[in-house]
Amino acid sequence: MENRKCLECDEVVKGRVDKKFCSDYCRNAYNNRVNKDSKNLIRNINNRLRKNYKILSELNTSGKTKVTRTKLYDKGFDFQFFTSIYKTKTGNTYFYIYDEGYLSLENETFLLIRKE
């Protein structure tokens, strides 16, 4: 019988033939270490999206509001993060973070809207 070693701590693994870890702790520690970079990237993007969504929903209480770029920047809004783009037949481009959206108008002004 072959002595298999835990992929995380090198302890002898007992049990099923296909078992790779000596405990749930080692399995979780190993997978967290291996997936650390991709999970951090996803976590950071989700945090930015969540912050943008919160800013839009706080500023857009009525469902349709105009605000300035400065006001969005001051609150920490990041224009690089959004979930979808909608282009109208007239050529307007709406950027959405889930159901909260914005449209760039003249003079550094934005129209904030909410999908119903």
PDB file of N, CA and C in Angstrom:
ATOM      1  N   MET A   1       0.833  -1.195   0.000  1.00  0.00           N
ATOM      2  CA  MET A   1       0.000   0.000   0.000  1.00  0.00           C
ATOM      3  C   MET A   1       0.874   1.255   0.000  1.00  0.00           C
ATOM      4  N   GLU A   2       0.534   2.177  -0.840  1.00  0.00           N
ATOM      5  CA  GLU A   2       1.320   3.393  -1.020  1.00  0.00           C
ATOM      6  C   GLU A   2       0.951   4.431   0.038  1.00  0.00           C
ATOM      7  N   ASN A   3       1.961   5.106   0.609  1.00  0.00           N
ATOM      8  CA  ASN A   3       1.705   6.192   1.564  1.00  0.00           C
ATOM      9  C   ASN A   3       1.551   7.487   0.802  1.00  0.00           C
ATOM     10  N   ARG A   4       0.323   7.996   0.790  1.00  0.00           N
ATOM     11  CA  ARG A   4       0.065   9.252   0.108  1.00  0.00           C
ATOM     12  C   ARG A   4       0.248  10.398   1.085  1.00  0.00           C
ATOM     13  N   LYS A   5       0.742  11.517   0.579  1.00  0.00           N
ATOM     14  CA  LYS A   5       0.987  12.694   1.416  1.00  0.00           C
ATOM     15  C   LYS A   5      -0.051  13.770   1.106  1.00  0.00           C
ATOM     16  N   CYS A   6      -0.440  14.510   2.143  1.00  0.00           N
ATOM     17  CA  CYS A   6      -1.362  15.637   1.999  1.00  0.00           C
ATOM     18  C   CYS A   6      -0.681  16.708   1.145  1.00  0.00           C
ATOM     19  N   LEU A   7      -1.419  17.257   0.197  1.00  0.00           N
ATOM     20  CA  LEU A   7      -0.852  18.281  -0.690  1.00  0.00           C
ATOM     21  C   LEU A   7      -0.504  19.570   0.048  1.00  0.00           C
ATOM     22  N   GLU A   8      -1.097  19.784   1.215  1.00  0.00           N
ATOM     23  CA  GLU A   8      -0.851  21.015   1.957  1.00  0.00           C
ATOM     24  C   GLU A   8       0.231  20.855   3.018  1.00  0.00           C
ATOM     25  N   CYS A   9       0.129  19.817   3.857  1.00  0.00           N
ATOM     26  CA  CYS A   9       1.029  19.734   5.025  1.00  0.00           C
ATOM     27  C   CYS A   9       1.976  18.534   4.999  1.00  0.00           C
ATOM     28  N   ASP A  10       1.901  17.695   3.987  1.00  0.00           N
ATOM     29  CA  ASP A  10       2.759  16.509   3.823  1.00  0.00           C
ATOM     30  C   ASP A  10       2.533  15.417   4.870  1.00  0.00           C
ATOM     31  N   GLU A  11       1.438  15.484   5.611  1.00  0.00           N
ATOM     32  CA  GLU A  11       1.085  14.391   6.522  1.00  0.00           C
ATOM     33  C   GLU A  11       0.580  13.213   5.689  1.00  0.00           C
ATOM     34  N   VAL A  12       0.637  12.016   6.260  1.00  0.00           N
ATOM     35  CA  VAL A  12       0.126  10.832   5.583  1.00  0.00           C
ATOM     36  C   VAL A  12      -1.402  10.927   5.497  1.00  0.00           C
ATOM     37  N   VAL A  13      -1.935  10.648   4.319  1.00  0.00           N
ATOM     38  CA  VAL A  13      -3.377  10.703   4.092  1.00  0.00           C
ATOM     39  C   VAL A  13      -3.945   9.302   4.228  1.00  0.00           C
ATOM     40  N   LYS A  14      -4.944   9.183   5.100  1.00  0.00           N
ATOM     41  CA  LYS A  14      -5.600   7.890   5.311  1.00  0.00           C
ATOM     42  C   LYS A  14      -7.019   7.972   4.777  1.00  0.00           C
ATOM     43  N   GLY A  15      -7.514   6.848   4.250  1.00  0.00           N
ATOM     44  CA  GLY A  15      -8.882   6.828   3.763  1.00  0.00           C
ATOM     45  C   GLY A  15      -8.947   6.418   2.310  1.00  0.00           C
ATOM     46  N   ARG A  16      -9.871   7.007   1.596  1.00  0.00           N
ATOM     47  CA  ARG A  16     -10.105   6.635   0.202  1.00  0.00           C
ATOM     48  C   ARG A  16      -8.855   6.800  -0.651  1.00  0.00           C
ATOM     49  N   VAL A  17      -8.809   6.042  -1.715  1.00  0.00           N
ATOM     50  CA  VAL A  17      -7.644   6.041  -2.604  1.00  0.00           C
ATOM     51  C   VAL A  17      -7.460   7.387  -3.301  1.00  0.00           C
ATOM     52  N   ASP A  18      -8.558   8.088  -3.585  1.00  0.00           N
ATOM     53  CA  ASP A  18      -8.458   9.348  -4.313  1.00  0.00           C
ATOM     54  C   ASP A  18      -8.385  10.570  -3.390  1.00  0.00           C
ATOM     55  N   LYS A  19      -8.274  10.356  -2.103  1.00  0.00           N
ATOM     56  CA  LYS A  19      -8.210  11.451  -1.136  1.00  0.00           C
ATOM     57  C   LYS A  19      -6.850  12.159  -1.265  1.00  0.00           C
ATOM     58  N   LYS A  20      -6.856  13.494  -1.260  1.00  0.00           N
ATOM     59  CA  LYS A  20      -5.624  14.260  -1.469  1.00  0.00           C
ATOM     60  C   LYS A  20      -5.186  15.041  -0.236  1.00  0.00           C
ATOM     61  N   PHE A  21      -6.078  15.215   0.721  1.00  0.00           N
ATOM     62  CA  PHE A  21      -5.789  16.045   1.898  1.00  0.00           C
ATOM     63  C   PHE A  21      -6.104  15.269   3.170  1.00  0.00           C
ATOM     64  N   CYS A  22      -5.388  15.593   4.233  1.00  0.00           N
ATOM     65  CA  CYS A  22      -5.595  14.890   5.505  1.00  0.00           C
ATOM     66  C   CYS A  22      -6.805  15.436   6.269  1.00  0.00           C
ATOM     67  N   SER A  23      -7.223  16.668   5.950  1.00  0.00           N
ATOM     68  CA  SER A  23      -8.350  17.267   6.672  1.00  0.00           C
ATOM     69  C   SER A  23      -9.014  18.342   5.814  1.00  0.00           C
ATOM     70  N   ASP A  24     -10.206  18.770   6.247  1.00  0.00           N
ATOM     71  CA  ASP A  24     -10.892  19.864   5.567  1.00  0.00           C
ATOM     72  C   ASP A  24     -10.085  21.150   5.675  1.00  0.00           C
ATOM     73  N   TYR A  25      -9.422  21.348   6.811  1.00  0.00           N
ATOM     74  CA  TYR A  25      -8.604  22.551   6.997  1.00  0.00           C
ATOM     75  C   TYR A  25      -7.519  22.623   5.916  1.00  0.00           C
ATOM     76  N   CYS A  26      -6.809  21.510   5.697  1.00  0.00           N
ATOM     77  CA  CYS A  26      -5.743  21.502   4.690  1.00  0.00           C
ATOM     78  C   CYS A  26      -6.305  21.687   3.282  1.00  0.00           C
ATOM     79  N   ARG A  27      -7.445  21.076   2.989  1.00  0.00           N
ATOM     80  CA  ARG A  27      -8.079  21.231   1.677  1.00  0.00           C
ATOM     81  C   ARG A  27      -8.433  22.695   1.427  1.00  0.00           C
ATOM     82  N   ASN A  28      -9.043  23.342   2.419  1.00  0.00           N
ATOM     83  CA  ASN A  28      -9.408  24.759   2.279  1.00  0.00           C
ATOM     84  C   ASN A  28      -8.177  25.649   2.170  1.00  0.00           C
ATOM     85  N   ALA A  29      -7.173  25.398   2.996  1.00  0.00           N
ATOM     86  CA  ALA A  29      -5.950  26.201   2.968  1.00  0.00           C
ATOM     87  C   ALA A  29      -5.256  26.085   1.607  1.00  0.00           C
ATOM     88  N   TYR A  30      -5.189  24.879   1.079  1.00  0.00           N
ATOM     89  CA  TYR A  30      -4.562  24.644  -0.221  1.00  0.00           C
ATOM     90  C   TYR A  30      -5.307  25.392  -1.329  1.00  0.00           C
ATOM     91  N   ASN A  31      -6.631  25.221  -1.383  1.00  0.00           N
ATOM     92  CA  ASN A  31      -7.425  25.865  -2.438  1.00  0.00           C
ATOM     93  C   ASN A  31      -7.409  27.383  -2.312  1.00  0.00           C
ATOM     94  N   ASN A  32      -7.416  27.910  -1.094  1.00  0.00           N
ATOM     95  CA  ASN A  32      -7.325  29.363  -0.910  1.00  0.00           C
ATOM     96  C   ASN A  32      -5.987  29.893  -1.407  1.00  0.00           C
ATOM     97  N   ARG A  33      -4.921  29.161  -1.145  1.00  0.00           N
ATOM     98  CA  ARG A  33      -3.595  29.583  -1.583  1.00  0.00           C
ATOM     99  C   ARG A  33      -3.488  29.525  -3.110  1.00  0.00           C
ATOM    100  N   VAL A  34      -3.981  28.465  -3.714  1.00  0.00           N
ATOM    101  CA  VAL A  34      -3.897  28.284  -5.169  1.00  0.00           C
ATOM    102  C   VAL A  34      -4.739  29.321  -5.905  1.00  0.00           C
ATOM    103  N   ASN A  35      -5.921  29.631  -5.391  1.00  0.00           N
ATOM    104  CA  ASN A  35      -6.844  30.539  -6.082  1.00  0.00           C
ATOM    105  C   ASN A  35      -6.769  31.976  -5.597  1.00  0.00           C
ATOM    106  N   LYS A  36      -5.782  32.310  -4.807  1.00  0.00           N
ATOM    107  CA  LYS A  36      -5.687  33.623  -4.175  1.00  0.00           C
ATOM    108  C   LYS A  36      -5.735  34.783  -5.173  1.00  0.00           C
ATOM    109  N   ASP A  37      -4.933  34.725  -6.227  1.00  0.00           N
ATOM    110  CA  ASP A  37      -4.849  35.841  -7.174  1.00  0.00           C
ATOM    111  C   ASP A  37      -6.162  36.077  -7.916  1.00  0.00           C
ATOM    112  N   SER A  38      -6.760  35.014  -8.429  1.00  0.00           N
ATOM    113  CA  SER A  38      -8.001  35.192  -9.186  1.00  0.00           C
ATOM    114  C   SER A  38      -9.136  35.618  -8.265  1.00  0.00           C
ATOM    115  N   LYS A  39      -9.172  35.101  -7.046  1.00  0.00           N
ATOM    116  CA  LYS A  39     -10.221  35.498  -6.113  1.00  0.00           C
ATOM    117  C   LYS A  39     -10.065  36.964  -5.703  1.00  0.00           C
ATOM    118  N   ASN A  40      -8.829  37.422  -5.536  1.00  0.00           N
ATOM    119  CA  ASN A  40      -8.606  38.832  -5.190  1.00  0.00           C
ATOM    120  C   ASN A  40      -9.069  39.749  -6.308  1.00  0.00           C
ATOM    121  N   LEU A  41      -8.782  39.381  -7.551  1.00  0.00           N
ATOM    122  CA  LEU A  41      -9.210  40.184  -8.689  1.00  0.00           C
ATOM    123  C   LEU A  41     -10.733  40.287  -8.728  1.00  0.00           C
ATOM    124  N   ILE A  42     -11.405  39.153  -8.598  1.00  0.00           N
ATOM    125  CA  ILE A  42     -12.869  39.135  -8.623  1.00  0.00           C
ATOM    126  C   ILE A  42     -13.429  39.927  -7.452  1.00  0.00           C
ATOM    127  N   ARG A  43     -12.856  39.746  -6.279  1.00  0.00           N
ATOM    128  CA  ARG A  43     -13.318  40.471  -5.087  1.00  0.00           C
ATOM    129  C   ARG A  43     -13.173  41.976  -5.281  1.00  0.00           C
ATOM    130  N   ASN A  44     -12.046  42.419  -5.822  1.00  0.00           N
ATOM    131  CA  ASN A  44     -11.815  43.852  -6.039  1.00  0.00           C
ATOM    132  C   ASN A  44     -12.790  44.438  -7.063  1.00  0.00           C
ATOM    133  N   ILE A  45     -13.039  43.701  -8.140  1.00  0.00           N
ATOM    134  CA  ILE A  45     -13.989  44.180  -9.149  1.00  0.00           C
ATOM    135  C   ILE A  45     -15.387  44.260  -8.557  1.00  0.00           C
ATOM    136  N   ASN A  46     -15.799  43.231  -7.829  1.00  0.00           N
ATOM    137  CA  ASN A  46     -17.127  43.249  -7.208  1.00  0.00           C
ATOM    138  C   ASN A  46     -17.262  44.393  -6.206  1.00  0.00           C
ATOM    139  N   ASN A  47     -16.205  44.689  -5.477  1.00  0.00           N
ATOM    140  CA  ASN A  47     -16.243  45.816  -4.533  1.00  0.00           C
ATOM    141  C   ASN A  47     -16.424  47.139  -5.269  1.00  0.00           C
ATOM    142  N   ARG A  48     -15.727  47.309  -6.401  1.00  0.00           N
ATOM    143  CA  ARG A  48     -15.868  48.546  -7.194  1.00  0.00           C
ATOM    144  C   ARG A  48     -17.291  48.659  -7.743  1.00  0.00           C
ATOM    145  N   LEU A  49     -17.832  47.558  -8.273  1.00  0.00           N
ATOM    146  CA  LEU A  49     -19.202  47.568  -8.798  1.00  0.00           C
ATOM    147  C   LEU A  49     -20.194  47.895  -7.685  1.00  0.00           C
ATOM    148  N   ARG A  50     -19.996  47.299  -6.522  1.00  0.00           N
ATOM    149  CA  ARG A  50     -20.892  47.549  -5.390  1.00  0.00           C
ATOM    150  C   ARG A  50     -20.850  49.019  -4.977  1.00  0.00           C
ATOM    151  N   LYS A  51     -19.642  49.601  -4.956  1.00  0.00           N
ATOM    152  CA  LYS A  51     -19.504  51.011  -4.589  1.00  0.00           C
ATOM    153  C   LYS A  51     -20.173  51.915  -5.626  1.00  0.00           C
ATOM    154  N   ASN A  52     -19.942  51.644  -6.915  1.00  0.00           N
ATOM    155  CA  ASN A  52     -20.584  52.426  -7.977  1.00  0.00           C
ATOM    156  C   ASN A  52     -22.100  52.333  -7.879  1.00  0.00           C
ATOM    157  N   TYR A  53     -22.620  51.138  -7.645  1.00  0.00           N
ATOM    158  CA  TYR A  53     -24.069  50.938  -7.528  1.00  0.00           C
ATOM    159  C   TYR A  53     -24.631  51.742  -6.362  1.00  0.00           C
ATOM    160  N   LYS A  54     -23.934  51.702  -5.253  1.00  0.00           N
ATOM    161  CA  LYS A  54     -24.387  52.441  -4.061  1.00  0.00           C
ATOM    162  C   LYS A  54     -24.427  53.941  -4.346  1.00  0.00           C
ATOM    163  N   ILE A  55     -23.403  54.459  -5.006  1.00  0.00           N
ATOM    164  CA  ILE A  55     -23.342  55.889  -5.334  1.00  0.00           C
ATOM    165  C   ILE A  55     -24.508  56.281  -6.244  1.00  0.00           C
ATOM    166  N   LEU A  56     -24.736  55.505  -7.296  1.00  0.00           N
ATOM    167  CA  LEU A  56     -25.836  55.817  -8.215  1.00  0.00           C
ATOM    168  C   LEU A  56     -27.191  55.751  -7.521  1.00  0.00           C
ATOM    169  N   SER A  57     -27.403  54.734  -6.700  1.00  0.00           N
ATOM    170  CA  SER A  57     -28.712  54.601  -6.044  1.00  0.00           C
ATOM    171  C   SER A  57     -28.931  55.678  -4.981  1.00  0.00           C
ATOM    172  N   GLU A  58     -27.859  56.145  -4.332  1.00  0.00           N
ATOM    173  CA  GLU A  58     -28.003  57.239  -3.365  1.00  0.00           C
ATOM    174  C   GLU A  58     -28.318  58.557  -4.053  1.00  0.00           C
ATOM    175  N   LEU A  59     -27.711  58.809  -5.202  1.00  0.00           N
ATOM    176  CA  LEU A  59     -27.931  60.061  -5.920  1.00  0.00           C
ATOM    177  C   LEU A  59     -29.247  60.058  -6.702  1.00  0.00           C
ATOM    178  N   ASN A  60     -29.714  58.879  -7.088  1.00  0.00           N
ATOM    179  CA  ASN A  60     -30.890  58.765  -7.940  1.00  0.00           C
ATOM    180  C   ASN A  60     -32.081  58.233  -7.132  1.00  0.00           C
ATOM    181  N   THR A  61     -32.610  59.046  -6.263  1.00  0.00           N
ATOM    182  CA  THR A  61     -33.715  58.606  -5.409  1.00  0.00           C
ATOM    183  C   THR A  61     -35.053  58.603  -6.135  1.00  0.00           C
ATOM    184  N   SER A  62     -35.193  59.412  -7.181  1.00  0.00           N
ATOM    185  CA  SER A  62     -36.484  59.532  -7.868  1.00  0.00           C
ATOM    186  C   SER A  62     -36.612  58.618  -9.085  1.00  0.00           C
ATOM    187  N   GLY A  63     -35.527  57.975  -9.503  1.00  0.00           N
ATOM    188  CA  GLY A  63     -35.582  57.135 -10.696  1.00  0.00           C
ATOM    189  C   GLY A  63     -35.018  57.808 -11.922  1.00  0.00           C
ATOM    190  N   LYS A  64     -34.910  59.153 -11.881  1.00  0.00           N
ATOM    191  CA  LYS A  64     -34.345  59.926 -12.989  1.00  0.00           C
ATOM    192  C   LYS A  64     -33.795  61.226 -12.420  1.00  0.00           C
ATOM    193  N   THR A  65     -32.483  61.410 -12.479  1.00  0.00           N
ATOM    194  CA  THR A  65     -31.836  62.563 -11.858  1.00  0.00           C
ATOM    195  C   THR A  65     -30.656  63.019 -12.708  1.00  0.00           C
ATOM    196  N   LYS A  66     -30.359  64.303 -12.680  1.00  0.00           N
ATOM    197  CA  LYS A  66     -29.163  64.829 -13.337  1.00  0.00           C
ATOM    198  C   LYS A  66     -28.123  65.178 -12.280  1.00  0.00           C
ATOM    199  N   VAL A  67     -26.874  64.795 -12.539  1.00  0.00           N
ATOM    200  CA  VAL A  67     -25.758  65.130 -11.646  1.00  0.00           C
ATOM    201  C   VAL A  67     -24.544  65.496 -12.486  1.00  0.00           C
ATOM    202  N   THR A  68     -23.583  66.134 -11.840  1.00  0.00           N
ATOM    203  CA  THR A  68     -22.346  66.518 -12.533  1.00  0.00           C
ATOM    204  C   THR A  68     -21.289  65.438 -12.346  1.00  0.00           C
ATOM    205  N   ARG A  69     -20.339  65.443 -13.269  1.00  0.00           N
ATOM    206  CA  ARG A  69     -19.213  64.501 -13.176  1.00  0.00           C
ATOM    207  C   ARG A  69     -18.466  64.709 -11.852  1.00  0.00           C
ATOM    208  N   THR A  70     -18.310  65.977 -11.462  1.00  0.00           N
ATOM    209  CA  THR A  70     -17.598  66.294 -10.220  1.00  0.00           C
ATOM    210  C   THR A  70     -18.262  65.639  -9.016  1.00  0.00           C
ATOM    211  N   LYS A  71     -19.586  65.685  -8.964  1.00  0.00           N
ATOM    212  CA  LYS A  71     -20.309  65.087  -7.842  1.00  0.00           C
ATOM    213  C   LYS A  71     -20.072  63.575  -7.794  1.00  0.00           C
ATOM    214  N   LEU A  72     -20.076  62.931  -8.958  1.00  0.00           N
ATOM    215  CA  LEU A  72     -19.810  61.490  -9.010  1.00  0.00           C
ATOM    216  C   LEU A  72     -18.374  61.185  -8.580  1.00  0.00           C
ATOM    217  N   TYR A  73     -17.406  61.945  -9.099  1.00  0.00           N
ATOM    218  CA  TYR A  73     -16.003  61.751  -8.720  1.00  0.00           C
ATOM    219  C   TYR A  73     -15.795  61.974  -7.225  1.00  0.00           C
ATOM    220  N   ASP A  74     -16.402  63.015  -6.687  1.00  0.00           N
ATOM    221  CA  ASP A  74     -16.242  63.325  -5.260  1.00  0.00           C
ATOM    222  C   ASP A  74     -16.721  62.185  -4.366  1.00  0.00           C
ATOM    223  N   LYS A  75     -17.735  61.472  -4.822  1.00  0.00           N
ATOM    224  CA  LYS A  75     -18.260  60.343  -4.046  1.00  0.00           C
ATOM    225  C   LYS A  75     -17.440  59.075  -4.267  1.00  0.00           C
ATOM    226  N   GLY A  76     -16.513  59.111  -5.238  1.00  0.00           N
ATOM    227  CA  GLY A  76     -15.647  57.962  -5.487  1.00  0.00           C
ATOM    228  C   GLY A  76     -16.088  57.076  -6.636  1.00  0.00           C
ATOM    229  N   PHE A  77     -16.955  57.569  -7.497  1.00  0.00           N
ATOM    230  CA  PHE A  77     -17.449  56.781  -8.623  1.00  0.00           C
ATOM    231  C   PHE A  77     -16.313  56.503  -9.598  1.00  0.00           C
ATOM    232  N   ASP A  78     -16.240  55.264 -10.096  1.00  0.00           N
ATOM    233  CA  ASP A  78     -15.205  54.859 -11.049  1.00  0.00           C
ATOM    234  C   ASP A  78     -15.875  54.495 -12.371  1.00  0.00           C
ATOM    235  N   PHE A  79     -15.659  55.305 -13.397  1.00  0.00           N
ATOM    236  CA  PHE A  79     -16.327  55.140 -14.679  1.00  0.00           C
ATOM    237  C   PHE A  79     -15.843  53.914 -15.458  1.00  0.00           C
ATOM    238  N   GLN A  80     -14.785  53.256 -15.011  1.00  0.00           N
ATOM    239  CA  GLN A  80     -14.268  52.085 -15.715  1.00  0.00           C
ATOM    240  C   GLN A  80     -15.056  50.815 -15.395  1.00  0.00           C
ATOM    241  N   PHE A  81     -15.878  50.835 -14.333  1.00  0.00           N
ATOM    242  CA  PHE A  81     -16.565  49.624 -13.902  1.00  0.00           C
ATOM    243  C   PHE A  81     -18.068  49.745 -14.080  1.00  0.00           C
ATOM    244  N   PHE A  82     -18.617  48.892 -14.935  1.00  0.00           N
ATOM    245  CA  PHE A  82     -20.060  48.826 -15.166  1.00  0.00           C
ATOM    246  C   PHE A  82     -20.374  47.407 -15.619  1.00  0.00           C
ATOM    247  N   THR A  83     -21.647  47.040 -15.593  1.00  0.00           N
ATOM    248  CA  THR A  83     -22.020  45.661 -15.925  1.00  0.00           C
ATOM    249  C   THR A  83     -22.554  45.505 -17.346  1.00  0.00           C
ATOM    250  N   SER A  84     -23.127  46.567 -17.928  1.00  0.00           N
ATOM    251  CA  SER A  84     -23.638  46.442 -19.295  1.00  0.00           C
ATOM    252  C   SER A  84     -23.728  47.813 -19.969  1.00  0.00           C
ATOM    253  N   ILE A  85     -23.841  47.773 -21.290  1.00  0.00           N
ATOM    254  CA  ILE A  85     -23.983  48.972 -22.111  1.00  0.00           C
ATOM    255  C   ILE A  85     -25.232  48.802 -22.962  1.00  0.00           C
ATOM    256  N   TYR A  86     -26.010  49.879 -23.068  1.00  0.00           N
ATOM    257  CA  TYR A  86     -27.193  49.863 -23.926  1.00  0.00           C
ATOM    258  C   TYR A  86     -27.107  51.043 -24.879  1.00  0.00           C
ATOM    259  N   LYS A  87     -27.145  50.754 -26.198  1.00  0.00           N
ATOM    260  CA  LYS A  87     -27.109  51.817 -27.210  1.00  0.00           C
ATOM    261  C   LYS A  87     -28.500  51.948 -27.824  1.00  0.00           C
ATOM    262  N   THR A  88     -28.991  53.186 -27.860  1.00  0.00           N
ATOM    263  CA  THR A  88     -30.309  53.439 -28.429  1.00  0.00           C
ATOM    264  C   THR A  88     -30.210  53.622 -29.942  1.00  0.00           C
ATOM    265  N   LYS A  89     -31.346  53.622 -30.604  1.00  0.00           N
ATOM    266  CA  LYS A  89     -31.373  53.836 -32.059  1.00  0.00           C
ATOM    267  C   LYS A  89     -30.883  55.222 -32.425  1.00  0.00           C
ATOM    268  N   THR A  90     -31.039  56.178 -31.491  1.00  0.00           N
ATOM    269  CA  THR A  90     -30.601  57.554 -31.761  1.00  0.00           C
ATOM    270  C   THR A  90     -29.112  57.747 -31.492  1.00  0.00           C
ATOM    271  N   GLY A  91     -28.434  56.714 -31.025  1.00  0.00           N
ATOM    272  CA  GLY A  91     -26.993  56.797 -30.816  1.00  0.00           C
ATOM    273  C   GLY A  91     -26.562  57.094 -29.393  1.00  0.00           C
ATOM    274  N   ASN A  92     -27.501  57.218 -28.453  1.00  0.00           N
ATOM    275  CA  ASN A  92     -27.131  57.438 -27.050  1.00  0.00           C
ATOM    276  C   ASN A  92     -26.625  56.137 -26.436  1.00  0.00           C
ATOM    277  N   THR A  93     -25.613  56.253 -25.586  1.00  0.00           N
ATOM    278  CA  THR A  93     -25.047  55.084 -24.928  1.00  0.00           C
ATOM    279  C   THR A  93     -25.262  55.189 -23.420  1.00  0.00           C
ATOM    280  N   TYR A  94     -26.024  54.238 -22.884  1.00  0.00           N
ATOM    281  CA  TYR A  94     -26.272  54.147 -21.441  1.00  0.00           C
ATOM    282  C   TYR A  94     -25.346  53.094 -20.858  1.00  0.00           C
ATOM    283  N   PHE A  95     -24.733  53.416 -19.732  1.00  0.00           N
ATOM    284  CA  PHE A  95     -23.907  52.471 -19.002  1.00  0.00           C
ATOM    285  C   PHE A  95     -24.671  52.065 -17.747  1.00  0.00           C
ATOM    286  N   TYR A  96     -24.717  50.769 -17.481  1.00  0.00           N
ATOM    287  CA  TYR A  96     -25.480  50.258 -16.337  1.00  0.00           C
ATOM    288  C   TYR A  96     -24.589  49.520 -15.357  1.00  0.00           C
ATOM    289  N   ILE A  97     -24.915  49.693 -14.093  1.00  0.00           N
ATOM    290  CA  ILE A  97     -24.424  48.840 -13.026  1.00  0.00           C
ATOM    291  C   ILE A  97     -25.681  48.173 -12.494  1.00  0.00           C
ATOM    292  N   TYR A  98     -25.900  46.952 -12.954  1.00  0.00           N
ATOM    293  CA  TYR A  98     -27.128  46.198 -12.685  1.00  0.00           C
ATOM    294  C   TYR A  98     -28.335  46.999 -13.179  1.00  0.00           C
ATOM    295  N   ASP A  99     -29.199  47.508 -12.309  1.00  0.00           N
ATOM    296  CA  ASP A  99     -30.379  48.239 -12.782  1.00  0.00           C
ATOM    297  C   ASP A  99     -30.224  49.754 -12.698  1.00  0.00           C
ATOM    298  N   GLU A 100     -29.097  50.233 -12.197  1.00  0.00           N
ATOM    299  CA  GLU A 100     -28.821  51.672 -12.128  1.00  0.00           C
ATOM    300  C   GLU A 100     -27.958  52.058 -13.318  1.00  0.00           C
ATOM    301  N   GLY A 101     -28.372  53.092 -14.074  1.00  0.00           N
ATOM    302  CA  GLY A 101     -27.635  53.477 -15.262  1.00  0.00           C
ATOM    303  C   GLY A 101     -27.356  54.959 -15.331  1.00  0.00           C
ATOM    304  N   TYR A 102     -26.482  55.321 -16.266  1.00  0.00           N
ATOM    305  CA  TYR A 102     -26.189  56.740 -16.495  1.00  0.00           C
ATOM    306  C   TYR A 102     -25.911  56.982 -17.969  1.00  0.00           C
ATOM    307  N   LEU A 103     -26.240  58.192 -18.377  1.00  0.00           N
ATOM    308  CA  LEU A 103     -26.043  58.650 -19.748  1.00  0.00           C
ATOM    309  C   LEU A 103     -25.286  59.962 -19.692  1.00  0.00           C
ATOM    310  N   SER A 104     -24.228  60.081 -20.475  1.00  0.00           N
ATOM    311  CA  SER A 104     -23.452  61.311 -20.523  1.00  0.00           C
ATOM    312  C   SER A 104     -24.210  62.354 -21.343  1.00  0.00           C
ATOM    313  N   LEU A 105     -24.397  63.537 -20.736  1.00  0.00           N
ATOM    314  CA  LEU A 105     -25.056  64.653 -21.407  1.00  0.00           C
ATOM    315  C   LEU A 105     -24.024  65.738 -21.688  1.00  0.00           C
ATOM    316  N   GLU A 106     -24.481  66.919 -22.045  1.00  0.00           N
ATOM    317  CA  GLU A 106     -23.575  68.040 -22.309  1.00  0.00           C
ATOM    318  C   GLU A 106     -23.022  68.607 -21.005  1.00  0.00           C
ATOM    319  N   ASN A 107     -21.920  69.335 -21.112  1.00  0.00           N
ATOM    320  CA  ASN A 107     -21.339  70.098 -20.000  1.00  0.00           C
ATOM    321  C   ASN A 107     -21.037  69.252 -18.765  1.00  0.00           C
ATOM    322  N   GLU A 108     -20.442  68.074 -18.996  1.00  0.00           N
ATOM    323  CA  GLU A 108     -20.026  67.229 -17.869  1.00  0.00           C
ATOM    324  C   GLU A 108     -21.188  66.856 -16.942  1.00  0.00           C
ATOM    325  N   THR A 109     -22.363  66.703 -17.506  1.00  0.00           N
ATOM    326  CA  THR A 109     -23.554  66.336 -16.743  1.00  0.00           C
ATOM    327  C   THR A 109     -23.976  64.928 -17.140  1.00  0.00           C
ATOM    328  N   PHE A 110     -24.552  64.209 -16.187  1.00  0.00           N
ATOM    329  CA  PHE A 110     -25.013  62.851 -16.429  1.00  0.00           C
ATOM    330  C   PHE A 110     -26.462  62.709 -15.997  1.00  0.00           C
ATOM    331  N   LEU A 111     -27.208  61.949 -16.785  1.00  0.00           N
ATOM    332  CA  LEU A 111     -28.568  61.596 -16.434  1.00  0.00           C
ATOM    333  C   LEU A 111     -28.522  60.218 -15.794  1.00  0.00           C
ATOM    334  N   LEU A 112     -28.954  60.135 -14.538  1.00  0.00           N
ATOM    335  CA  LEU A 112     -29.013  58.858 -13.838  1.00  0.00           C
ATOM    336  C   LEU A 112     -30.411  58.296 -13.987  1.00  0.00           C
ATOM    337  N   ILE A 113     -30.503  57.020 -14.340  1.00  0.00           N
ATOM    338  CA  ILE A 113     -31.810  56.383 -14.507  1.00  0.00           C
ATOM    339  C   ILE A 113     -31.815  55.018 -13.834  1.00  0.00           C
ATOM    340  N   ARG A 114     -32.997  54.513 -13.601  1.00  0.00           N
ATOM    341  CA  ARG A 114     -33.160  53.182 -13.013  1.00  0.00           C
ATOM    342  C   ARG A 114     -34.076  52.368 -13.900  1.00  0.00           C
ATOM    343  N   LYS A 115     -33.661  51.145 -14.217  1.00  0.00           N
ATOM    344  CA  LYS A 115     -34.512  50.233 -14.998  1.00  0.00           C
ATOM    345  C   LYS A 115     -35.661  49.782 -14.111  1.00  0.00           C
ATOM    346  N   GLU A 116     -36.831  49.728 -14.677  1.00  0.00           N
ATOM    347  CA  GLU A 116     -37.998  49.264 -13.914  1.00  0.00           C
ATOM    348  C   GLU A 116     -38.242  47.805 -14.147  1.00  0.00           C
TER     349      GLU A 116
END
